[in-house]
C-alpha cells in the first residue's frame, strides 16, 4: 500500500506551496503474475490490449488490489468494445523493479502505477497529462498533487493514492497519567517524561530505522519550519531550522531516554506500529493504516496534528503514489479514455475506501468530507491541503532518500552530531542533483 511511505503508499503523498515536497507509505504484500506481451492484439481486428502494471495495496489474497482492478476492467471492457486491459499486480517489494526491467528491455507497459515517475519523465518516455486525459479529469486532481506530478511545469505523474500523517496517542495511557495531547514540542517532551515515569516502554516512538526513516525525518523537519528543500526547490538539509530540529530531538527526547529501549536508528516503522498496537507506545506519527492495526488489538487512540515549536505544525507530511503512461506502444487515445474512467468519482472513492487512503481528486474528496462512512479518515483529509510531499519531481530523490534511511539515525545517537550528519546529507543530495 502507500509505501511510501505509501502510502508504498506502497510507496504513503503532498505540496508544494513553494516547497517541493512523497508515499509512504503503506507497504503492500501482493500476488505475483507473469507478464505477457504489450501492444496491439487481435491482428487485423483493430482491437487494442493495454498493459498495466500496478502495485498491490492489500495485505493478503483476500484484499489484493487484483480484485479491485479485475472488477474495474470488467466494467470498462463491457462498455468499450475493441479495448482490452491486461493488469499485472505486484507487491511493493517488486513492482518498481519489475517496471524498470520491462522498460530497460524495451517492453514498457502502456501504464504503470508505482512509487515514482520523475526518472521516466526526464528520459522522455512518458505521455504528459495533456497528451491523454480529458480536461475535466485533469482539473479534478487535487491541486498540490497535480503540481507534485510536474517536471519543469509539465504534468507526467498522475497521483493515484495519497495519505497524510498525524500524531497518534494512546488514550488510556494519557488518561491514566492525566495528560492532554501535545500542541508544542515542549508539551510533547513533558508528556513523554510523564509516560516514562509511569513505566511506558516507548513514551514517544521515533522510527529512524532504514525501513522508512525519510518519512519520520520529514515530519519533524516540517514541524520545525524546515524541510528537505527550500522555497525554490533546492535541497537544504543543513538549514538552521533543520539543525535546530534534530538538535532538539537528540537533546530533549533521545538523550533523556524518552524514545524507548531501541535506538531510533534501529527502530523501523512496522515495529513501532506493532508496539503501539500492543499498548507499549504513548505517542508516534502514523498514517491511516495504523487505525485498523490499533483497533484490532483493542487500543484506544486519539489523533492530533503534529506539534510544532510554538504550536501545531503549519505543514504536515503527505505521500502519494503515481500512475504514468509510457509512449512506447503509442496508445495515447486508448490509455487516456481508460484513465478517465479510472479517475471517475466512483472508482476513486471505491479504491480509497477499500484501502483507507485519501482520494486524489477534488470530487471524491468532497464526497468523503461529508459522508459519515468516511468519518475516520476526516482528520487525515483535513491535513491534505496543508501537506507537503517528498521532492518526487527530482530524479535524485531515490538516492537521496536511501542516504537519509542509512544515516539519519546517527544524528540522534549518543555520540552523534546533528549538524555534521545533516551537512553530510546535504553534500550527498547536492552531488546527486548535480549528477542528473
Protein backbone atom coordinates (compact mmCIF):
# COMPACT_ATOMS: atom_id res chain seq x y z
CA UNK A 1 0.00 0.00 0.00
CA UNK A 2 1.11 3.56 0.31
CA UNK A 3 4.76 2.78 0.74
CA UNK A 4 5.94 5.14 0.84
CA UNK A 5 5.75 5.52 2.77
CA UNK A 6 2.87 4.89 0.88
CA UNK A 7 1.29 5.28 1.26
CA UNK A 8 4.28 2.26 -0.81
CA UNK A 9 1.68 4.33 -0.10
CA UNK A 10 3.45 1.34 -1.35
CA UNK A 11 5.42 3.53 -1.86
CA UNK A 12 2.38 6.98 1.99
CA UNK A 13 1.64 11.89 -0.94
CA UNK A 14 1.83 16.45 -0.83
CA UNK A 15 2.87 20.10 -1.83
CA UNK A 16 4.16 22.24 -2.58
CA UNK A 17 3.21 25.68 -1.51
CA UNK A 18 6.59 26.88 -2.73
CA UNK A 19 8.40 23.85 -1.44
CA UNK A 20 8.66 20.54 -3.20
CA UNK A 21 7.57 18.13 -1.03
CA UNK A 22 6.43 11.84 -1.43
CA UNK A 23 4.29 7.82 -0.47
CA UNK A 24 4.91 6.23 2.20
CA UNK A 25 3.58 4.86 2.66
CA UNK A 26 1.97 1.83 3.27
CA UNK A 27 3.86 -1.32 2.30
CA UNK A 28 1.83 -3.96 0.48
CA UNK A 29 2.13 -7.69 0.04
CA UNK A 30 0.98 -8.94 -3.26
CA UNK A 31 0.25 -11.65 -5.73
CA UNK A 32 2.78 -12.09 -8.47
CA UNK A 33 1.69 -12.73 -12.02
CA UNK A 34 3.65 -13.45 -15.19
CA UNK A 35 3.97 -10.54 -17.58
CA UNK A 36 2.62 -11.07 -21.04
CA UNK A 37 3.28 -9.08 -24.13
CA UNK A 38 2.25 -5.49 -24.61
CA UNK A 39 0.70 -3.73 -27.54
CA UNK A 40 -1.76 -4.44 -30.27
CA UNK A 41 -3.62 -7.72 -30.35
CA UNK A 42 -6.31 -9.20 -32.49
CA UNK A 43 -4.44 -8.99 -35.78
CA UNK A 44 -6.47 -7.09 -38.31
CA UNK A 45 -9.44 -6.65 -35.99
CA UNK A 46 -8.09 -3.34 -34.73
CA UNK A 47 -8.53 -4.39 -31.12
CA UNK A 48 -6.06 -2.93 -28.65
CA UNK A 49 -4.81 -4.55 -25.47
CA UNK A 50 -3.46 -2.10 -22.93
CA UNK A 51 -0.90 -3.38 -20.44
CA UNK A 52 -0.98 -2.01 -16.88
CA UNK A 53 1.48 -2.96 -14.16
CA UNK A 54 0.13 -1.98 -10.73
CA UNK A 55 1.13 -2.15 -7.09
CA UNK A 56 -0.73 -4.20 -4.52
CA UNK A 57 -2.22 -2.30 -1.59
CA UNK A 58 -3.67 -5.36 0.11
CA UNK A 59 -2.02 -7.48 2.78
CA UNK A 60 -3.48 -10.82 1.70
CA UNK A 61 -5.04 -12.58 -1.28
CA UNK A 62 -8.47 -11.66 0.09
CA UNK A 63 -7.97 -7.92 -0.30
CA UNK A 64 -5.38 -7.84 -3.07
CA UNK A 65 -5.60 -4.94 -5.50
CA UNK A 66 -6.03 -7.64 -8.13
CA UNK A 67 -9.71 -7.82 -7.14
CA UNK A 68 -10.15 -4.05 -7.49
CA UNK A 69 -8.60 -3.98 -10.95
CA UNK A 70 -10.45 -7.11 -12.13
CA UNK A 71 -13.79 -5.51 -11.31
CA UNK A 72 -12.88 -2.13 -12.78
CA UNK A 73 -11.54 -3.66 -16.00
CA UNK A 74 -14.58 -5.93 -16.39
CA UNK A 75 -16.89 -2.93 -16.18
CA UNK A 76 -14.74 -0.85 -18.52
CA UNK A 77 -14.41 -3.53 -21.19
CA UNK A 78 -18.18 -4.13 -21.16
CA UNK A 79 -18.68 -0.51 -22.22
CA UNK A 80 -15.71 -0.12 -24.59
CA UNK A 81 -15.56 -2.67 -27.37
CA UNK A 82 -12.23 -3.09 -29.07
CA UNK A 83 -10.17 -2.35 -25.95
CA UNK A 84 -8.85 -4.93 -23.53
CA UNK A 85 -6.88 -4.11 -20.40
CA UNK A 86 -4.35 -6.61 -19.06
CA UNK A 87 -3.39 -5.86 -15.46
CA UNK A 88 -0.46 -7.40 -13.61
CA UNK A 89 -0.25 -6.73 -9.87
CA UNK A 90 2.99 -6.95 -7.90
CA UNK A 91 3.84 -6.31 -4.28
CA UNK A 92 5.50 -3.04 -3.37
CA UNK A 93 8.68 -5.04 -2.81
CA UNK A 94 8.81 -5.86 -6.53
CA UNK A 95 6.70 -3.51 -8.61
CA UNK A 96 9.16 -0.65 -9.21
CA UNK A 97 11.91 -3.11 -10.14
CA UNK A 98 9.61 -5.07 -12.47
CA UNK A 99 8.64 -1.93 -14.35
CA UNK A 100 12.27 -0.86 -14.68
CA UNK A 101 13.21 -4.28 -16.05
CA UNK A 102 10.45 -4.02 -18.67
CA UNK A 103 11.47 -0.52 -19.69
CA UNK A 104 15.16 -1.45 -19.87
CA UNK A 105 14.26 -4.43 -22.06
CA UNK A 106 12.30 -2.23 -24.46
CA UNK A 107 8.99 -3.70 -23.32
CA UNK A 108 7.48 -0.81 -21.38
CA UNK A 109 3.85 -1.34 -20.37
CA UNK A 110 1.26 1.17 -21.51
CA UNK A 111 0.72 2.21 -17.91
CA UNK A 112 2.46 1.73 -14.58
CA UNK A 113 1.13 2.50 -11.13
CA UNK A 114 4.20 2.69 -8.91
CA UNK A 115 6.10 4.87 -6.45
CA UNK A 116 7.99 7.34 -8.67
CA UNK A 117 7.73 8.84 -12.14
CA UNK A 118 10.42 11.53 -12.50
CA UNK A 119 13.21 9.38 -13.91
CA UNK A 120 10.99 8.12 -16.74
CA UNK A 121 9.68 11.62 -17.43
CA UNK A 122 13.19 13.07 -17.64
CA UNK A 123 14.12 10.42 -20.19
CA UNK A 124 11.19 11.45 -22.39
CA UNK A 125 9.42 8.11 -22.03
CA UNK A 126 6.07 9.31 -20.71
CA UNK A 127 2.97 10.93 -22.10
CA UNK A 128 2.01 14.14 -20.37
CA UNK A 129 -1.42 14.52 -18.81
CA UNK A 130 -2.31 16.89 -21.66
CA UNK A 131 -1.48 14.16 -24.18
CA UNK A 132 -4.07 11.78 -22.78
CA UNK A 133 -6.60 12.98 -20.26
CA UNK A 134 -9.78 14.95 -20.70
CA UNK A 135 -9.74 18.50 -19.38
CA UNK A 136 -12.31 17.59 -16.73
CA UNK A 137 -10.13 14.75 -15.37
CA UNK A 138 -7.06 16.96 -15.23
CA UNK A 139 -8.98 19.72 -13.48
CA UNK A 140 -10.28 17.31 -10.85
CA UNK A 141 -6.86 16.38 -9.43
CA UNK A 142 -6.12 17.96 -6.04
CA UNK A 143 -4.01 20.97 -6.98
CA UNK A 144 -0.99 20.24 -4.80
CA UNK A 145 -0.90 16.64 -6.04
CA UNK A 146 -1.10 17.72 -9.67
CA UNK A 147 1.76 20.13 -9.05
CA UNK A 148 3.79 17.39 -7.40
CA UNK A 149 3.40 15.37 -10.60
CA UNK A 150 5.12 18.00 -12.71
CA UNK A 151 8.61 18.10 -14.16
CA UNK A 152 9.59 21.53 -15.49
CA UNK A 153 5.99 22.67 -15.35
CA UNK A 154 4.52 19.71 -17.28
CA UNK A 155 2.49 17.02 -15.50
CA UNK A 156 3.65 13.48 -16.18
CA UNK A 157 2.89 11.88 -12.82
CA UNK A 158 -0.81 11.28 -12.18
CA UNK A 159 -1.49 10.96 -8.44
CA UNK A 160 -3.15 7.64 -7.72
CA UNK A 161 -3.36 7.38 -3.94
CA UNK A 162 -2.48 9.75 -1.13
CA UNK A 163 -2.05 9.81 2.62
CA UNK A 164 -1.03 12.20 5.35
CA UNK A 165 0.38 11.76 8.85
CA UNK A 166 -0.98 12.63 12.28
CA UNK A 167 0.33 12.21 15.81
CA UNK A 168 -1.35 9.15 17.35
CA UNK A 169 -1.55 8.86 21.13
CA UNK A 170 -2.74 6.10 23.43
CA UNK A 171 -5.86 7.46 25.13
CA UNK A 172 -5.69 5.01 28.01
CA UNK A 173 -2.10 5.82 28.87
CA UNK A 174 -2.79 9.54 28.59
CA UNK A 175 -5.87 9.33 30.81
CA UNK A 176 -4.08 7.31 33.46
CA UNK A 177 -1.30 9.90 33.54
CA UNK A 178 -3.68 12.87 33.50
CA UNK A 179 -2.28 14.15 30.20
CA UNK A 180 -3.70 16.05 27.26
CA UNK A 181 -2.40 15.63 23.70
CA UNK A 182 0.52 17.97 22.97
CA UNK A 183 0.45 21.00 20.70
CA UNK A 184 4.10 22.02 21.04
CA UNK A 185 7.43 20.23 21.20
CA UNK A 186 7.88 21.14 24.86
CA UNK A 187 4.45 19.73 25.70
CA UNK A 188 5.31 16.55 23.79
CA UNK A 189 8.51 16.18 25.80
CA UNK A 190 6.66 16.84 29.07
CA UNK A 191 4.04 14.22 28.19
CA UNK A 192 6.81 11.78 27.30
CA UNK A 193 8.51 12.35 30.67
CA UNK A 194 5.25 11.69 32.49
CA UNK A 195 4.68 8.50 30.50
CA UNK A 196 8.21 7.30 31.16
CA UNK A 197 7.70 7.88 34.89
CA UNK A 198 4.72 5.53 34.72
CA UNK A 199 6.77 2.82 33.04
CA UNK A 200 5.61 3.25 29.44
CA UNK A 201 8.11 1.40 27.24
CA UNK A 202 8.12 3.92 24.36
CA UNK A 203 6.90 7.33 25.56
CA UNK A 204 7.48 8.61 22.03
CA UNK A 205 8.41 6.09 19.34
CA UNK A 206 10.94 7.63 16.92
CA UNK A 207 11.41 5.21 13.99
CA UNK A 208 14.53 6.39 12.17
CA UNK A 209 15.45 2.89 11.06
CA UNK A 210 16.08 2.02 7.41
CA UNK A 211 12.51 0.99 6.60
CA UNK A 212 11.01 4.48 6.40
CA UNK A 213 13.32 6.96 8.13
CA UNK A 214 12.73 9.51 5.37
CA UNK A 215 9.09 9.86 6.46
CA UNK A 216 9.69 10.41 10.19
CA UNK A 217 12.53 12.76 9.34
CA UNK A 218 10.42 14.89 7.02
CA UNK A 219 7.58 15.12 9.53
CA UNK A 220 9.93 16.51 12.14
CA UNK A 221 11.70 18.85 9.72
CA UNK A 222 8.37 20.35 8.66
CA UNK A 223 7.27 20.78 12.26
CA UNK A 224 10.44 22.79 12.87
CA UNK A 225 9.80 25.11 9.95
CA UNK A 226 12.26 23.41 7.60
CA UNK A 227 12.13 20.55 5.15
CA UNK A 228 14.15 18.68 2.59
CA UNK A 229 14.09 21.61 0.17
CA UNK A 230 13.90 25.38 0.39
CA UNK A 231 11.24 27.64 -1.10
CA UNK A 232 12.70 27.39 -4.59
CA UNK A 233 13.07 23.61 -4.53
CA UNK A 234 16.80 23.39 -3.77
CA UNK A 235 17.95 20.79 -1.25
CA UNK A 236 18.53 22.36 2.16
CA UNK A 237 19.29 19.56 4.62
CA UNK A 238 21.69 21.66 6.68
CA UNK A 239 19.43 24.70 7.13
CA UNK A 240 19.39 26.32 10.56
CA UNK A 241 15.82 25.12 11.12
CA UNK A 242 16.71 21.51 10.34
CA UNK A 243 19.80 21.55 12.54
CA UNK A 244 17.75 23.02 15.40
CA UNK A 245 15.09 20.32 14.96
CA UNK A 246 17.50 17.41 15.17
CA UNK A 247 19.48 19.01 17.96
CA UNK A 248 16.25 19.22 19.97
CA UNK A 249 15.38 15.61 19.17
CA UNK A 250 18.81 14.43 20.28
CA UNK A 251 19.00 16.51 23.45
CA UNK A 252 15.38 16.68 24.63
CA UNK A 253 13.93 13.33 23.57
CA UNK A 254 16.52 10.70 22.72
CA UNK A 255 19.17 11.92 25.17
CA UNK A 256 16.66 11.87 28.01
CA UNK A 257 15.53 8.32 27.36
CA UNK A 258 12.09 9.23 26.10
CA UNK A 259 12.14 7.24 22.85
CA UNK A 260 12.27 3.71 24.22
CA UNK A 261 14.76 0.88 24.56
CA UNK A 262 15.57 0.58 20.85
CA UNK A 263 17.87 3.20 19.34
CA UNK A 264 15.88 5.31 16.85
CA UNK A 265 18.30 4.41 14.07
CA UNK A 266 17.41 0.73 14.60
CA UNK A 267 13.65 1.16 15.07
CA UNK A 268 11.56 0.60 11.95
CA UNK A 269 8.06 1.92 11.34
CA UNK A 270 6.46 -1.54 11.29
CA UNK A 271 7.97 -2.38 14.68
CA UNK A 272 6.83 0.97 16.10
CA UNK A 273 3.28 0.40 14.82
CA UNK A 274 3.26 -3.11 16.29
CA UNK A 275 4.42 -1.75 19.65
CA UNK A 276 1.65 0.86 19.57
CA UNK A 277 -0.89 -1.90 18.92
CA UNK A 278 0.42 -3.74 21.99
CA UNK A 279 -0.10 -0.67 24.17
CA UNK A 280 3.64 -0.08 24.63
CA UNK A 281 3.79 3.33 22.90
CA UNK A 282 2.47 6.62 24.20
CA UNK A 283 2.85 8.67 21.01
CA UNK A 284 4.06 8.26 17.44
CA UNK A 285 3.46 9.58 13.95
CA UNK A 286 1.14 7.39 11.91
CA UNK A 287 -0.87 7.12 8.72
CA UNK A 288 -4.44 5.79 8.33
CA UNK A 289 -3.49 2.11 8.31
CA UNK A 290 -2.49 2.41 11.97
CA UNK A 291 -6.13 2.94 12.88
CA UNK A 292 -7.08 -0.61 11.92
CA UNK A 293 -3.90 -2.09 13.39
CA UNK A 294 -4.58 -0.45 16.76
CA UNK A 295 -8.33 -1.06 16.78
CA UNK A 296 -7.82 -4.74 16.01
CA UNK A 297 -5.82 -5.06 19.24
CA UNK A 298 -8.32 -3.01 21.25
CA UNK A 299 -6.08 0.03 21.69
CA UNK A 300 -7.99 3.26 22.22
CA UNK A 301 -6.22 6.02 20.35
CA UNK A 302 -6.57 9.67 19.51
CA UNK A 303 -5.09 11.67 16.65
CA UNK A 304 -3.92 15.30 16.54
CA UNK A 305 -1.81 17.38 14.15
CA UNK A 306 1.94 17.11 14.61
CA UNK A 307 3.13 19.50 17.34
CA UNK A 308 5.44 22.32 16.29
CA UNK A 309 7.90 24.55 18.10
CA UNK A 310 5.26 27.04 19.27
CA UNK A 311 2.01 25.31 18.28
CA UNK A 312 0.59 22.78 15.86
CA UNK A 313 2.83 22.32 12.86
CA UNK A 314 1.84 24.53 9.94
CA UNK A 315 2.68 21.77 7.47
CA UNK A 316 2.06 18.05 7.53
CA UNK A 317 3.81 15.38 5.55
CA UNK A 318 1.89 13.89 2.69
CA UNK A 319 2.70 10.98 0.43
CA UNK A 320 1.41 9.91 -2.96
CA UNK A 321 1.81 7.03 -5.36
CA UNK A 322 1.74 7.60 -9.07
CA UNK A 323 0.18 6.46 -12.32
CA UNK A 324 2.12 7.09 -15.53
CA UNK A 325 1.71 6.22 -19.20
CA UNK A 326 4.56 5.18 -21.48
CA UNK A 327 4.81 6.30 -25.11
CA UNK A 328 6.35 3.02 -26.25
CA UNK A 329 3.20 1.45 -27.69
CA UNK A 330 1.58 4.62 -28.97
CA UNK A 331 -1.83 4.16 -27.35
CA UNK A 332 -2.37 7.68 -26.05
CA UNK A 333 -6.04 7.85 -27.03
CA UNK A 334 -7.00 4.47 -25.59
CA UNK A 335 -4.91 5.00 -22.45
CA UNK A 336 -6.47 8.41 -21.90
CA UNK A 337 -10.02 7.10 -22.12
CA UNK A 338 -9.21 4.26 -19.73
CA UNK A 339 -7.58 6.60 -17.23
CA UNK A 340 -10.52 9.00 -17.45
CA UNK A 341 -12.57 6.04 -16.25
CA UNK A 342 -10.05 5.07 -13.55
CA UNK A 343 -10.22 8.61 -12.17
CA UNK A 344 -14.02 8.84 -12.16
CA UNK A 345 -15.50 9.79 -8.80
CA UNK A 346 -16.96 6.31 -8.34
CA UNK A 347 -13.68 4.47 -8.86
CA UNK A 348 -11.52 6.86 -6.85
CA UNK A 349 -13.91 6.55 -3.92
CA UNK A 350 -14.01 2.76 -4.19
CA UNK A 351 -10.25 2.44 -4.11
CA UNK A 352 -9.75 4.98 -1.32
CA UNK A 353 -12.35 3.32 0.88
CA UNK A 354 -11.01 -0.15 0.23
CA UNK A 355 -7.52 0.72 1.47
CA UNK A 356 -8.10 3.63 3.90
CA UNK A 357 -6.34 6.07 1.62
CA UNK A 358 -7.14 9.65 0.68
CA UNK A 359 -8.71 10.41 -2.69
CA UNK A 360 -6.58 12.30 -5.19
CA UNK A 361 -9.46 14.14 -6.84
CA UNK A 362 -11.47 17.09 -5.60
CA UNK A 363 -14.81 15.49 -6.44
CA UNK A 364 -14.08 12.34 -4.40
CA UNK A 365 -12.63 14.41 -1.55
CA UNK A 366 -15.81 16.49 -1.40
CA UNK A 367 -17.87 13.32 -1.05
CA UNK A 368 -15.61 11.84 1.61
CA UNK A 369 -15.58 15.02 3.68
CA UNK A 370 -19.35 14.87 4.18
CA UNK A 371 -20.11 11.13 4.13
CA UNK A 372 -20.42 9.59 7.59
CA UNK A 373 -18.90 6.30 6.46
CA UNK A 374 -15.62 8.16 5.86
CA UNK A 375 -15.55 9.93 9.22
CA UNK A 376 -12.45 8.05 10.42
CA UNK A 377 -10.41 9.49 7.55
CA UNK A 378 -11.62 13.07 8.02
CA UNK A 379 -8.67 14.19 10.23
CA UNK A 380 -6.24 12.99 7.57
CA UNK A 381 -8.32 14.55 4.80
CA UNK A 382 -8.17 17.92 6.54
CA UNK A 383 -4.37 17.73 6.56
CA UNK A 384 -4.10 17.11 2.83
CA UNK A 385 -4.32 20.76 1.67
CA UNK A 386 -1.65 21.67 4.26
CA UNK A 387 0.69 18.83 3.43
CA UNK A 388 3.96 18.66 1.57
CA UNK A 389 5.43 15.82 -0.43
CA UNK A 390 8.88 14.44 -0.77
CA UNK A 391 10.69 16.13 -3.70
CA UNK A 392 9.41 13.48 -6.09
CA UNK A 393 9.98 15.63 -9.16
CA UNK A 394 13.72 15.19 -8.66
CA UNK A 395 15.33 12.14 -10.23
CA UNK A 396 17.94 12.41 -7.48
CA UNK A 397 15.36 11.79 -4.76
CA UNK A 398 15.62 7.99 -4.79
CA UNK A 399 19.34 8.01 -3.97
CA UNK A 400 18.93 10.88 -1.51
CA UNK A 401 16.13 9.05 0.32
CA UNK A 402 18.35 5.97 0.54
CA UNK A 403 21.07 8.09 2.14
CA UNK A 404 18.58 9.50 4.67
CA UNK A 405 17.48 5.99 5.62
CA UNK A 406 21.08 4.93 6.13
CA UNK A 407 22.46 7.93 8.02
CA UNK A 408 19.82 10.00 9.79
CA UNK A 409 19.73 7.78 12.86
CA UNK A 410 23.35 8.80 13.53
CA UNK A 411 22.23 12.38 14.09
CA UNK A 412 20.47 11.47 17.35
CA UNK A 413 22.78 8.71 18.59
CA UNK A 414 24.70 9.16 21.82
CA UNK A 415 27.86 10.26 20.01
CA UNK A 416 26.04 11.79 17.05
CA UNK A 417 26.35 15.32 15.72
CA UNK A 418 23.12 16.59 14.12
CA UNK A 419 24.81 19.45 12.26
CA UNK A 420 27.52 17.16 10.86
CA UNK A 421 25.04 14.46 9.77
CA UNK A 422 22.80 16.97 8.04
CA UNK A 423 25.81 18.56 6.34
CA UNK A 424 26.84 15.14 5.02
CA UNK A 425 23.33 14.55 3.69
CA UNK A 426 23.33 17.99 2.06
CA UNK A 427 26.59 17.14 0.31
CA UNK A 428 25.17 13.82 -0.87
CA UNK A 429 21.99 15.49 -2.11
CA UNK A 430 23.85 18.23 -3.95
CA UNK A 431 26.12 15.74 -5.70
CA UNK A 432 23.16 13.54 -6.65
CA UNK A 433 21.27 16.52 -8.03
CA UNK A 434 24.25 17.83 -9.99
CA UNK A 435 24.81 14.41 -11.50
CA UNK A 436 21.39 14.41 -13.15
